[in-house]
Amino acid sequence: KNKTTEQHSSVSKIKYDWYQTESQVIITVMVKNIDKSDVRIEFSDSELSALMKLPTGEDYSLKCVLLHPIVPEQSTFKVLSTKVEIKMKKTEALRWEKLEGEGESTLKHFTPDSSLKYPSSSHYTKNWDKLVGEIKEEEKTEKLEGDAALQQLFQQIYCDGSDEVKRAMNKSFMESGGTVLSTNWSDVGKRKVEVKPPDDMEWKPL
């Protein structure tokens, strides 16, 4: 008798939860260390039937009459070390208000911005345009910061440099249209500094 009570309490401790994405309804059954060969799951258009043999030797069964139809051929399950994950493919992108029912629910099309909360991993409905815009803005800021750091470095060299260094920097910068900056007066003092644009750019005087 005691053994029967223990068995009953073990099975009753097993919990399952569910959430949904735009295309799937996912049920997670919290059973640990179960063997894949001990899990039998059957899908029909409107029902889910799951039977699992637990490591204790007990049987755990779950049967759901689903609120909306699913596509059995595209529904799957996965046995993990801490849970069994059942993924059911929706026939339409409808928001399921609950898991079970007889189709009496009013139909609501799936809207990602609903106030209902789901795990962050359950759907990827981010505003990608906004995200790309933010990344571009960050890159722009980083570039500006990089340019500012370079300018600061040149200013530091100019301030700390000798008169010859300052003359070399001024002459090379002016004659090259801002494409060359040299601190070597013995080199640039003897010649006119040529324009040297980056490899992928063409110099066009204003």
N, C-alpha and C. Protein backbone atom coordinates (compact mmCIF):
# COMPACT_ATOMS: atom_id res chain seq x y z
N LYS A 1 0.83 -1.20 0.00
CA LYS A 1 0.00 0.00 0.00
C LYS A 1 0.87 1.25 0.00
N ASN A 2 1.88 1.22 0.87
CA ASN A 2 2.79 2.37 0.93
C ASN A 2 3.47 2.60 -0.41
N LYS A 3 3.86 1.47 -1.05
CA LYS A 3 4.54 1.59 -2.35
C LYS A 3 3.65 2.28 -3.37
N THR A 4 2.39 1.93 -3.38
CA THR A 4 1.43 2.55 -4.30
C THR A 4 1.32 4.05 -4.04
N THR A 5 1.29 4.43 -2.78
CA THR A 5 1.21 5.85 -2.41
C THR A 5 2.44 6.60 -2.90
N GLU A 6 3.61 5.97 -2.71
CA GLU A 6 4.87 6.60 -3.16
C GLU A 6 4.85 6.80 -4.67
N GLN A 7 4.40 5.77 -5.37
CA GLN A 7 4.34 5.87 -6.83
C GLN A 7 3.43 7.02 -7.24
N HIS A 8 2.29 7.09 -6.60
CA HIS A 8 1.33 8.13 -6.95
C HIS A 8 1.92 9.52 -6.70
N SER A 9 2.62 9.67 -5.58
CA SER A 9 3.18 10.98 -5.25
C SER A 9 4.29 11.36 -6.22
N SER A 10 5.10 10.37 -6.69
CA SER A 10 6.17 10.66 -7.66
C SER A 10 5.59 11.19 -8.96
N VAL A 11 4.57 10.52 -9.45
CA VAL A 11 3.96 10.92 -10.72
C VAL A 11 3.28 12.28 -10.57
N SER A 12 2.63 12.49 -9.42
CA SER A 12 1.91 13.75 -9.24
C SER A 12 2.85 14.95 -9.13
N LYS A 13 4.13 14.68 -8.81
CA LYS A 13 5.10 15.78 -8.71
C LYS A 13 5.56 16.27 -10.09
N ILE A 14 5.32 15.46 -11.10
CA ILE A 14 5.78 15.84 -12.44
C ILE A 14 4.90 16.96 -12.98
N LYS A 15 5.57 18.03 -13.40
CA LYS A 15 4.82 19.17 -13.92
C LYS A 15 5.11 19.36 -15.40
N TYR A 16 4.17 19.97 -16.07
CA TYR A 16 4.45 20.36 -17.45
C TYR A 16 4.00 21.80 -17.65
N ASP A 17 4.64 22.45 -18.61
CA ASP A 17 4.33 23.84 -18.90
C ASP A 17 4.22 23.98 -20.42
N TRP A 18 3.67 25.07 -20.88
CA TRP A 18 3.60 25.28 -22.33
C TRP A 18 3.73 26.76 -22.66
N TYR A 19 4.23 27.00 -23.84
CA TYR A 19 4.28 28.36 -24.38
C TYR A 19 4.17 28.25 -25.90
N GLN A 20 4.14 29.37 -26.59
CA GLN A 20 3.94 29.31 -28.03
C GLN A 20 4.78 30.34 -28.76
N THR A 21 5.08 30.01 -30.00
CA THR A 21 5.69 30.95 -30.93
C THR A 21 4.63 31.20 -32.01
N GLU A 22 5.02 31.93 -33.03
CA GLU A 22 4.07 32.21 -34.11
C GLU A 22 3.68 30.92 -34.84
N SER A 23 4.60 29.96 -34.90
CA SER A 23 4.35 28.76 -35.70
C SER A 23 4.22 27.47 -34.90
N GLN A 24 4.55 27.52 -33.59
CA GLN A 24 4.55 26.28 -32.81
C GLN A 24 3.95 26.48 -31.42
N VAL A 25 3.47 25.36 -30.87
CA VAL A 25 3.10 25.30 -29.44
C VAL A 25 4.07 24.30 -28.82
N ILE A 26 4.74 24.72 -27.77
CA ILE A 26 5.77 23.87 -27.15
C ILE A 26 5.34 23.49 -25.74
N ILE A 27 5.34 22.17 -25.47
CA ILE A 27 5.05 21.67 -24.12
C ILE A 27 6.35 21.12 -23.55
N THR A 28 6.67 21.48 -22.31
CA THR A 28 7.84 20.90 -21.65
C THR A 28 7.37 20.11 -20.44
N VAL A 29 7.71 18.83 -20.43
CA VAL A 29 7.36 17.95 -19.31
C VAL A 29 8.62 17.77 -18.47
N MET A 30 8.53 18.14 -17.20
CA MET A 30 9.72 18.15 -16.34
C MET A 30 10.02 16.76 -15.78
N VAL A 31 10.59 15.91 -16.63
CA VAL A 31 11.05 14.59 -16.16
C VAL A 31 12.55 14.49 -16.43
N LYS A 32 13.28 13.99 -15.44
CA LYS A 32 14.75 13.93 -15.55
C LYS A 32 15.21 12.52 -15.90
N ASN A 33 16.34 12.49 -16.62
CA ASN A 33 17.06 11.24 -16.89
C ASN A 33 16.17 10.13 -17.45
N ILE A 34 15.31 10.51 -18.36
CA ILE A 34 14.44 9.51 -18.98
C ILE A 34 15.05 9.06 -20.30
N ASP A 35 14.89 7.81 -20.62
CA ASP A 35 15.46 7.27 -21.85
C ASP A 35 14.51 7.52 -23.01
N LYS A 36 15.09 7.85 -24.17
CA LYS A 36 14.25 8.14 -25.34
C LYS A 36 13.36 6.96 -25.72
N SER A 37 13.88 5.75 -25.52
CA SER A 37 13.11 4.56 -25.88
C SER A 37 11.91 4.35 -24.95
N ASP A 38 11.91 5.07 -23.82
CA ASP A 38 10.79 4.96 -22.88
C ASP A 38 9.74 6.06 -23.07
N VAL A 39 9.89 6.80 -24.16
CA VAL A 39 8.94 7.89 -24.43
C VAL A 39 8.16 7.59 -25.70
N ARG A 40 6.84 7.57 -25.61
CA ARG A 40 6.03 7.36 -26.80
C ARG A 40 5.04 8.53 -26.91
N ILE A 41 5.15 9.27 -28.00
CA ILE A 41 4.28 10.44 -28.19
C ILE A 41 3.58 10.33 -29.53
N GLU A 42 2.27 10.50 -29.50
CA GLU A 42 1.48 10.43 -30.73
C GLU A 42 0.75 11.75 -30.94
N PHE A 43 0.80 12.22 -32.19
CA PHE A 43 0.11 13.46 -32.55
C PHE A 43 -1.04 13.16 -33.50
N SER A 44 -2.17 13.79 -33.28
CA SER A 44 -3.24 13.77 -34.29
C SER A 44 -3.61 15.23 -34.56
N ASP A 45 -4.57 15.46 -35.44
CA ASP A 45 -4.92 16.84 -35.80
C ASP A 45 -5.31 17.68 -34.59
N SER A 46 -5.96 17.05 -33.63
CA SER A 46 -6.47 17.84 -32.50
C SER A 46 -6.14 17.26 -31.13
N GLU A 47 -5.29 16.22 -31.12
CA GLU A 47 -4.96 15.61 -29.83
C GLU A 47 -3.47 15.30 -29.71
N LEU A 48 -3.02 15.34 -28.47
CA LEU A 48 -1.65 14.91 -28.16
C LEU A 48 -1.75 13.82 -27.11
N SER A 49 -1.03 12.74 -27.34
CA SER A 49 -1.00 11.65 -26.37
C SER A 49 0.46 11.31 -26.07
N ALA A 50 0.84 11.38 -24.79
CA ALA A 50 2.22 11.09 -24.41
C ALA A 50 2.24 10.05 -23.30
N LEU A 51 3.10 9.04 -23.46
CA LEU A 51 3.27 8.02 -22.43
C LEU A 51 4.76 7.87 -22.18
N MET A 52 5.15 7.98 -20.91
CA MET A 52 6.58 7.91 -20.56
C MET A 52 6.77 6.94 -19.40
N LYS A 53 7.79 6.09 -19.55
CA LYS A 53 8.15 5.20 -18.44
C LYS A 53 9.27 5.87 -17.67
N LEU A 54 9.00 6.21 -16.43
CA LEU A 54 9.97 6.95 -15.61
C LEU A 54 11.08 6.03 -15.13
N PRO A 55 12.23 6.59 -14.73
CA PRO A 55 13.34 5.78 -14.21
C PRO A 55 12.93 4.93 -13.00
N THR A 56 11.89 5.35 -12.29
CA THR A 56 11.40 4.59 -11.12
C THR A 56 10.57 3.38 -11.54
N GLY A 57 10.28 3.28 -12.85
CA GLY A 57 9.47 2.17 -13.34
C GLY A 57 8.00 2.53 -13.48
N GLU A 58 7.61 3.72 -13.01
CA GLU A 58 6.20 4.14 -13.11
C GLU A 58 5.89 4.66 -14.52
N ASP A 59 4.62 4.71 -14.83
CA ASP A 59 4.18 5.27 -16.10
C ASP A 59 3.59 6.65 -15.87
N TYR A 60 3.97 7.56 -16.75
CA TYR A 60 3.37 8.90 -16.70
C TYR A 60 2.69 9.14 -18.05
N SER A 61 1.43 9.53 -18.01
CA SER A 61 0.74 9.77 -19.27
C SER A 61 0.16 11.18 -19.29
N LEU A 62 0.14 11.73 -20.48
CA LEU A 62 -0.42 13.07 -20.68
C LEU A 62 -1.26 13.03 -21.95
N LYS A 63 -2.52 13.42 -21.83
CA LYS A 63 -3.39 13.43 -23.01
C LYS A 63 -4.09 14.78 -23.07
N CYS A 64 -3.97 15.46 -24.19
CA CYS A 64 -4.58 16.78 -24.33
C CYS A 64 -5.46 16.83 -25.58
N VAL A 65 -6.68 17.32 -25.39
CA VAL A 65 -7.51 17.67 -26.54
C VAL A 65 -7.21 19.14 -26.82
N LEU A 66 -6.58 19.40 -27.94
CA LEU A 66 -6.01 20.73 -28.20
C LEU A 66 -7.07 21.75 -28.61
N LEU A 67 -6.77 23.00 -28.26
CA LEU A 67 -7.70 24.09 -28.55
C LEU A 67 -7.85 24.31 -30.06
N HIS A 68 -6.73 24.23 -30.78
CA HIS A 68 -6.73 24.42 -32.24
C HIS A 68 -6.02 23.25 -32.91
N PRO A 69 -6.29 23.00 -34.18
CA PRO A 69 -5.63 21.89 -34.87
C PRO A 69 -4.14 22.12 -35.07
N ILE A 70 -3.41 21.00 -35.21
CA ILE A 70 -1.96 21.05 -35.47
C ILE A 70 -1.65 20.22 -36.71
N VAL A 71 -0.38 20.29 -37.14
CA VAL A 71 0.07 19.47 -38.28
C VAL A 71 0.90 18.32 -37.69
N PRO A 72 0.33 17.13 -37.55
CA PRO A 72 1.03 16.01 -36.89
C PRO A 72 2.38 15.68 -37.55
N GLU A 73 2.42 15.72 -38.90
CA GLU A 73 3.64 15.33 -39.63
C GLU A 73 4.83 16.26 -39.32
N GLN A 74 4.52 17.51 -38.92
CA GLN A 74 5.60 18.47 -38.65
C GLN A 74 5.76 18.73 -37.15
N SER A 75 5.18 17.86 -36.35
CA SER A 75 5.30 17.98 -34.89
C SER A 75 6.34 16.97 -34.40
N THR A 76 7.16 17.40 -33.45
CA THR A 76 8.28 16.55 -33.01
C THR A 76 8.41 16.62 -31.49
N PHE A 77 9.31 15.76 -30.98
CA PHE A 77 9.64 15.87 -29.55
C PHE A 77 11.12 15.56 -29.36
N LYS A 78 11.66 16.06 -28.26
CA LYS A 78 13.08 15.88 -27.97
C LYS A 78 13.23 15.49 -26.50
N VAL A 79 14.05 14.48 -26.23
CA VAL A 79 14.28 14.05 -24.85
C VAL A 79 15.61 14.63 -24.38
N LEU A 80 15.54 15.47 -23.36
CA LEU A 80 16.74 16.09 -22.79
C LEU A 80 16.98 15.53 -21.39
N SER A 81 18.10 15.87 -20.78
CA SER A 81 18.43 15.29 -19.47
C SER A 81 17.50 15.79 -18.36
N THR A 82 16.91 16.96 -18.54
CA THR A 82 16.06 17.52 -17.48
C THR A 82 14.58 17.60 -17.86
N LYS A 83 14.26 17.33 -19.13
CA LYS A 83 12.86 17.47 -19.54
C LYS A 83 12.62 16.79 -20.88
N VAL A 84 11.35 16.66 -21.22
CA VAL A 84 10.95 16.20 -22.56
C VAL A 84 10.25 17.40 -23.20
N GLU A 85 10.74 17.78 -24.37
CA GLU A 85 10.19 18.96 -25.06
C GLU A 85 9.37 18.50 -26.27
N ILE A 86 8.10 18.89 -26.28
CA ILE A 86 7.19 18.49 -27.37
C ILE A 86 6.85 19.74 -28.18
N LYS A 87 7.15 19.70 -29.48
CA LYS A 87 6.86 20.85 -30.35
C LYS A 87 5.78 20.49 -31.35
N MET A 88 4.68 21.23 -31.28
CA MET A 88 3.55 20.97 -32.19
C MET A 88 3.42 22.11 -33.19
N LYS A 89 3.35 21.75 -34.44
CA LYS A 89 3.27 22.75 -35.52
C LYS A 89 1.84 23.26 -35.68
N LYS A 90 1.67 24.57 -35.60
CA LYS A 90 0.33 25.16 -35.78
C LYS A 90 -0.08 25.10 -37.25
N THR A 91 -1.37 24.97 -37.50
CA THR A 91 -1.86 25.03 -38.88
C THR A 91 -1.98 26.49 -39.34
N GLU A 92 -2.21 27.38 -38.36
CA GLU A 92 -2.29 28.81 -38.67
C GLU A 92 -1.59 29.60 -37.57
N ALA A 93 -1.17 30.82 -37.92
CA ALA A 93 -0.49 31.66 -36.93
C ALA A 93 -1.50 32.33 -36.01
N LEU A 94 -2.16 31.49 -35.22
CA LEU A 94 -3.17 31.99 -34.28
C LEU A 94 -2.59 32.04 -32.88
N ARG A 95 -3.06 32.99 -32.10
CA ARG A 95 -2.69 33.06 -30.69
C ARG A 95 -3.57 32.10 -29.90
N TRP A 96 -2.96 31.09 -29.31
CA TRP A 96 -3.72 30.15 -28.48
C TRP A 96 -3.91 30.78 -27.10
N GLU A 97 -5.15 30.93 -26.68
CA GLU A 97 -5.40 31.50 -25.36
C GLU A 97 -5.18 30.48 -24.26
N LYS A 98 -5.30 29.22 -24.62
CA LYS A 98 -5.01 28.12 -23.69
C LYS A 98 -4.61 26.90 -24.51
N LEU A 99 -4.13 25.88 -23.82
CA LEU A 99 -3.64 24.70 -24.51
C LEU A 99 -4.77 23.77 -24.94
N GLU A 100 -5.72 23.55 -24.04
CA GLU A 100 -6.77 22.57 -24.32
C GLU A 100 -8.13 23.23 -24.52
N GLY A 101 -8.99 22.55 -25.23
CA GLY A 101 -10.33 23.07 -25.47
C GLY A 101 -10.98 22.33 -26.62
N GLU A 102 -12.19 22.75 -26.97
CA GLU A 102 -12.91 22.10 -28.06
C GLU A 102 -13.10 23.08 -29.20
N GLY A 103 -12.15 24.00 -29.36
CA GLY A 103 -12.25 24.99 -30.43
C GLY A 103 -13.26 26.07 -30.16
N GLU A 104 -13.67 26.21 -28.86
CA GLU A 104 -14.68 27.21 -28.56
C GLU A 104 -14.07 28.61 -28.44
N SER A 105 -12.75 28.68 -28.48
CA SER A 105 -12.09 29.98 -28.30
C SER A 105 -12.32 30.89 -29.50
N THR A 106 -12.40 32.19 -29.24
CA THR A 106 -12.48 33.15 -30.35
C THR A 106 -11.10 33.21 -31.00
N LEU A 107 -11.07 33.23 -32.31
CA LEU A 107 -9.79 33.20 -33.03
C LEU A 107 -9.09 34.56 -32.97
N LYS A 108 -7.84 34.50 -32.60
CA LYS A 108 -7.04 35.73 -32.58
C LYS A 108 -5.75 35.45 -33.33
N HIS A 109 -5.45 36.30 -34.31
CA HIS A 109 -4.21 36.10 -35.05
C HIS A 109 -3.03 36.50 -34.18
N PHE A 110 -1.94 35.81 -34.42
CA PHE A 110 -0.76 35.98 -33.56
C PHE A 110 -0.18 37.37 -33.72
N THR A 111 -0.10 38.10 -32.63
CA THR A 111 0.53 39.43 -32.64
C THR A 111 1.67 39.41 -31.64
N PRO A 112 2.90 39.53 -32.10
CA PRO A 112 4.07 39.40 -31.22
C PRO A 112 4.09 40.40 -30.07
N ASP A 113 3.47 41.58 -30.25
CA ASP A 113 3.54 42.59 -29.21
C ASP A 113 2.43 42.46 -28.17
N SER A 114 1.84 41.28 -28.08
CA SER A 114 0.77 41.08 -27.10
C SER A 114 1.31 41.24 -25.69
N SER A 115 0.41 41.57 -24.77
CA SER A 115 0.82 41.75 -23.38
C SER A 115 1.15 40.41 -22.71
N LEU A 116 0.73 39.30 -23.36
CA LEU A 116 1.06 37.99 -22.81
C LEU A 116 2.57 37.77 -22.88
N LYS A 117 3.12 37.21 -21.83
CA LYS A 117 4.57 37.05 -21.78
C LYS A 117 4.96 35.62 -22.12
N TYR A 118 6.01 35.49 -22.89
CA TYR A 118 6.54 34.18 -23.22
C TYR A 118 8.04 34.22 -23.03
N PRO A 119 8.69 33.06 -22.85
CA PRO A 119 10.15 33.08 -22.70
C PRO A 119 10.80 33.77 -23.89
N SER A 120 11.87 34.49 -23.63
CA SER A 120 12.50 35.28 -24.69
C SER A 120 12.96 34.41 -25.85
N SER A 121 13.27 33.13 -25.56
CA SER A 121 13.76 32.26 -26.62
C SER A 121 12.63 31.71 -27.49
N SER A 122 11.38 31.99 -27.11
CA SER A 122 10.27 31.34 -27.81
C SER A 122 9.90 32.01 -29.12
N HIS A 123 10.27 33.26 -29.31
CA HIS A 123 9.99 33.85 -30.62
C HIS A 123 11.00 34.95 -30.92
N TYR A 124 11.23 35.14 -32.20
CA TYR A 124 12.22 36.12 -32.64
C TYR A 124 11.49 37.15 -33.48
N THR A 125 10.76 38.01 -32.82
CA THR A 125 9.96 39.00 -33.55
C THR A 125 10.50 40.39 -33.28
N LYS A 126 11.82 40.49 -33.18
CA LYS A 126 12.44 41.79 -32.93
C LYS A 126 12.27 42.68 -34.16
N ASN A 127 12.29 43.97 -33.92
CA ASN A 127 12.26 44.92 -35.02
C ASN A 127 13.67 45.02 -35.60
N TRP A 128 13.92 44.20 -36.64
CA TRP A 128 15.30 44.12 -37.16
C TRP A 128 15.75 45.44 -37.78
N ASP A 129 14.80 46.18 -38.42
CA ASP A 129 15.18 47.46 -39.01
C ASP A 129 15.72 48.39 -37.93
N LYS A 130 15.02 48.38 -36.79
CA LYS A 130 15.44 49.24 -35.68
C LYS A 130 16.81 48.79 -35.17
N LEU A 131 16.99 47.46 -35.07
CA LEU A 131 18.24 46.91 -34.57
C LEU A 131 19.40 47.26 -35.49
N VAL A 132 19.18 47.11 -36.80
CA VAL A 132 20.21 47.46 -37.78
C VAL A 132 20.56 48.95 -37.68
N GLY A 133 19.51 49.76 -37.50
CA GLY A 133 19.71 51.21 -37.35
C GLY A 133 20.56 51.52 -36.14
N GLU A 134 20.29 50.80 -35.04
CA GLU A 134 21.06 51.02 -33.81
C GLU A 134 22.51 50.61 -34.00
N ILE A 135 22.73 49.48 -34.71
CA ILE A 135 24.10 49.02 -34.95
C ILE A 135 24.85 50.04 -35.81
N LYS A 136 24.18 50.54 -36.86
CA LYS A 136 24.83 51.54 -37.72
C LYS A 136 25.18 52.79 -36.93
N GLU A 137 24.26 53.18 -36.03
CA GLU A 137 24.49 54.36 -35.21
C GLU A 137 25.70 54.15 -34.30
N GLU A 138 25.79 52.93 -33.75
CA GLU A 138 26.92 52.60 -32.88
C GLU A 138 28.23 52.65 -33.66
N GLU A 139 28.20 52.08 -34.89
CA GLU A 139 29.41 52.08 -35.72
C GLU A 139 29.83 53.50 -36.04
N LYS A 140 28.83 54.34 -36.32
CA LYS A 140 29.10 55.74 -36.64
C LYS A 140 29.75 56.43 -35.43
N THR A 141 29.20 56.19 -34.26
CA THR A 141 29.74 56.79 -33.04
C THR A 141 31.16 56.31 -32.80
N GLU A 142 31.36 54.98 -33.00
CA GLU A 142 32.71 54.43 -32.81
C GLU A 142 33.69 55.06 -33.77
N LYS A 143 33.27 55.29 -35.03
CA LYS A 143 34.15 55.90 -36.02
C LYS A 143 34.49 57.33 -35.61
N LEU A 144 33.46 58.05 -35.15
CA LEU A 144 33.69 59.43 -34.70
C LEU A 144 34.65 59.45 -33.53
N GLU A 145 34.46 58.50 -32.62
CA GLU A 145 35.35 58.42 -31.47
C GLU A 145 36.76 58.11 -31.91
N GLY A 146 36.89 57.21 -32.92
CA GLY A 146 38.21 56.87 -33.46
C GLY A 146 38.88 58.08 -34.10
N ASP A 147 38.09 58.82 -34.92
CA ASP A 147 38.62 60.02 -35.57
C ASP A 147 39.03 61.06 -34.54
N ALA A 148 38.21 61.22 -33.51
CA ALA A 148 38.50 62.21 -32.46
C ALA A 148 39.79 61.84 -31.74
N ALA A 149 39.98 60.53 -31.50
CA ALA A 149 41.19 60.07 -30.81
C ALA A 149 42.43 60.35 -31.66
N LEU A 150 42.28 60.16 -32.99
CA LEU A 150 43.39 60.42 -33.92
C LEU A 150 43.74 61.90 -33.94
N GLN A 151 42.69 62.72 -34.01
CA GLN A 151 42.89 64.18 -33.99
C GLN A 151 43.62 64.60 -32.72
N GLN A 152 43.19 64.02 -31.61
CA GLN A 152 43.80 64.36 -30.32
C GLN A 152 45.28 63.97 -30.32
N LEU A 153 45.56 62.79 -30.92
CA LEU A 153 46.95 62.33 -30.99
C LEU A 153 47.80 63.30 -31.80
N PHE A 154 47.26 63.73 -32.96
CA PHE A 154 48.00 64.68 -33.79
C PHE A 154 48.22 66.01 -33.05
N GLN A 155 47.16 66.44 -32.34
CA GLN A 155 47.28 67.70 -31.60
C GLN A 155 48.37 67.60 -30.53
N GLN A 156 48.43 66.42 -29.89
CA GLN A 156 49.43 66.20 -28.84
C GLN A 156 50.84 66.25 -29.44
N ILE A 157 50.99 65.56 -30.61
CA ILE A 157 52.30 65.56 -31.28
C ILE A 157 52.69 66.99 -31.66
N TYR A 158 51.69 67.74 -32.17
CA TYR A 158 51.94 69.11 -32.61
C TYR A 158 52.36 70.00 -31.43
N CYS A 159 51.63 69.86 -30.31
CA CYS A 159 51.92 70.69 -29.13
C CYS A 159 53.29 70.37 -28.55
N ASP A 160 53.63 69.08 -28.52
CA ASP A 160 54.89 68.67 -27.90
C ASP A 160 56.08 68.78 -28.85
N GLY A 161 55.77 68.94 -30.14
CA GLY A 161 56.85 68.90 -31.14
C GLY A 161 57.68 70.18 -31.20
N SER A 162 58.84 70.05 -31.82
CA SER A 162 59.72 71.20 -32.03
C SER A 162 59.17 72.06 -33.16
N ASP A 163 59.79 73.21 -33.39
CA ASP A 163 59.35 74.07 -34.49
C ASP A 163 59.43 73.34 -35.82
N GLU A 164 60.45 72.51 -36.00
CA GLU A 164 60.62 71.77 -37.26
C GLU A 164 59.47 70.76 -37.45
N VAL A 165 59.09 70.09 -36.35
CA VAL A 165 57.98 69.13 -36.42
C VAL A 165 56.70 69.85 -36.81
N LYS A 166 56.47 71.03 -36.20
CA LYS A 166 55.25 71.79 -36.50
C LYS A 166 55.25 72.25 -37.96
N ARG A 167 56.43 72.73 -38.43
CA ARG A 167 56.53 73.17 -39.83
C ARG A 167 56.27 72.00 -40.77
N ALA A 168 56.85 70.83 -40.43
CA ALA A 168 56.69 69.64 -41.27
C ALA A 168 55.22 69.22 -41.33
N MET A 169 54.55 69.24 -40.19
CA MET A 169 53.14 68.83 -40.14
C MET A 169 52.27 69.80 -40.94
N ASN A 170 52.51 71.11 -40.77
CA ASN A 170 51.73 72.12 -41.49
C ASN A 170 51.93 72.01 -43.00
N LYS A 171 53.22 71.93 -43.41
CA LYS A 171 53.55 71.90 -44.85
C LYS A 171 52.98 70.65 -45.52
N SER A 172 53.21 69.47 -44.89
CA SER A 172 52.76 68.22 -45.50
C SER A 172 51.23 68.16 -45.58
N PHE A 173 50.58 68.67 -44.55
CA PHE A 173 49.11 68.62 -44.50
C PHE A 173 48.50 69.54 -45.56
N MET A 174 49.05 70.76 -45.68
CA MET A 174 48.51 71.74 -46.62
C MET A 174 48.76 71.32 -48.07
N GLU A 175 50.01 70.93 -48.37
CA GLU A 175 50.38 70.61 -49.76
C GLU A 175 49.70 69.33 -50.26
N SER A 176 49.43 68.40 -49.34
CA SER A 176 48.83 67.13 -49.77
C SER A 176 47.31 67.16 -49.71
N GLY A 177 46.75 68.33 -49.41
CA GLY A 177 45.29 68.42 -49.31
C GLY A 177 44.73 67.60 -48.17
N GLY A 178 45.52 67.43 -47.11
CA GLY A 178 45.04 66.72 -45.93
C GLY A 178 45.20 65.21 -46.00
N THR A 179 45.92 64.71 -47.04
CA THR A 179 46.06 63.25 -47.17
C THR A 179 47.37 62.74 -46.59
N VAL A 180 48.30 63.63 -46.30
CA VAL A 180 49.59 63.22 -45.71
C VAL A 180 49.88 64.11 -44.52
N LEU A 181 50.39 63.50 -43.45
CA LEU A 181 50.80 64.27 -42.27
C LEU A 181 52.16 63.73 -41.84
N SER A 182 53.20 64.54 -42.03
CA SER A 182 54.56 64.10 -41.72
C SER A 182 55.17 64.98 -40.64
N THR A 183 56.00 64.38 -39.81
CA THR A 183 56.73 65.15 -38.78
C THR A 183 58.20 65.26 -39.13
N ASN A 184 58.56 64.76 -40.32
CA ASN A 184 59.97 64.73 -40.72
C ASN A 184 60.29 65.95 -41.59
N TRP A 185 60.75 67.02 -40.99
CA TRP A 185 61.04 68.26 -41.72
C TRP A 185 62.18 68.07 -42.72
N SER A 186 63.18 67.26 -42.34
CA SER A 186 64.32 67.05 -43.24
C SER A 186 63.88 66.41 -44.55
N ASP A 187 62.75 65.71 -44.53
CA ASP A 187 62.21 65.09 -45.74
C ASP A 187 61.29 66.06 -46.48
N VAL A 188 60.21 66.53 -45.79
CA VAL A 188 59.21 67.35 -46.48
C VAL A 188 59.68 68.78 -46.72
N GLY A 189 60.75 69.23 -46.01
CA GLY A 189 61.26 70.59 -46.21
C GLY A 189 61.92 70.75 -47.58
N LYS A 190 62.37 69.66 -48.17
CA LYS A 190 63.11 69.73 -49.43
C LYS A 190 62.20 69.60 -50.65
N ARG A 191 60.97 69.15 -50.47
CA ARG A 191 60.14 68.85 -51.64
C ARG A 191 58.69 69.23 -51.41
N LYS A 192 57.94 69.21 -52.52
CA LYS A 192 56.49 69.42 -52.41
C LYS A 192 55.84 68.08 -52.09
N VAL A 193 55.01 68.06 -51.07
CA VAL A 193 54.37 66.81 -50.65
C VAL A 193 53.20 66.51 -51.58
N GLU A 194 53.23 65.31 -52.17
CA GLU A 194 52.18 64.94 -53.12
C GLU A 194 50.92 64.46 -52.38
N VAL A 195 49.83 64.59 -53.11
CA VAL A 195 48.55 64.10 -52.59
C VAL A 195 48.57 62.57 -52.60
N LYS A 196 48.20 61.94 -51.47
CA LYS A 196 48.16 60.47 -51.39
C LYS A 196 46.84 60.02 -50.77
N PRO A 197 45.78 59.93 -51.59
CA PRO A 197 44.49 59.45 -51.04
C PRO A 197 44.58 57.96 -50.72
N PRO A 198 43.68 57.44 -49.91
CA PRO A 198 43.64 55.99 -49.64
C PRO A 198 43.46 55.21 -50.94
N ASP A 199 43.88 53.95 -50.92
CA ASP A 199 43.88 53.11 -52.14
C ASP A 199 42.53 53.07 -52.84
N ASP A 200 41.45 53.03 -52.07
CA ASP A 200 40.14 52.85 -52.70
C ASP A 200 39.46 54.19 -53.00
N MET A 201 40.21 55.31 -52.88
CA MET A 201 39.60 56.61 -53.13
C MET A 201 40.39 57.40 -54.18
N GLU A 202 39.69 58.30 -54.83
CA GLU A 202 40.30 59.12 -55.87
C GLU A 202 40.30 60.57 -55.40
N TRP A 203 41.42 61.26 -55.59
CA TRP A 203 41.54 62.65 -55.14
C TRP A 203 40.92 63.59 -56.17
N LYS A 204 39.98 64.40 -55.73
CA LYS A 204 39.36 65.39 -56.62
C LYS A 204 39.46 66.75 -55.94
N PRO A 205 40.33 67.66 -56.42
CA PRO A 205 40.45 68.98 -55.79
C PRO A 205 39.13 69.75 -55.87
N LEU A 206 38.83 70.48 -54.83
CA LEU A 206 37.58 71.25 -54.80
C LEU A 206 37.65 72.43 -55.73
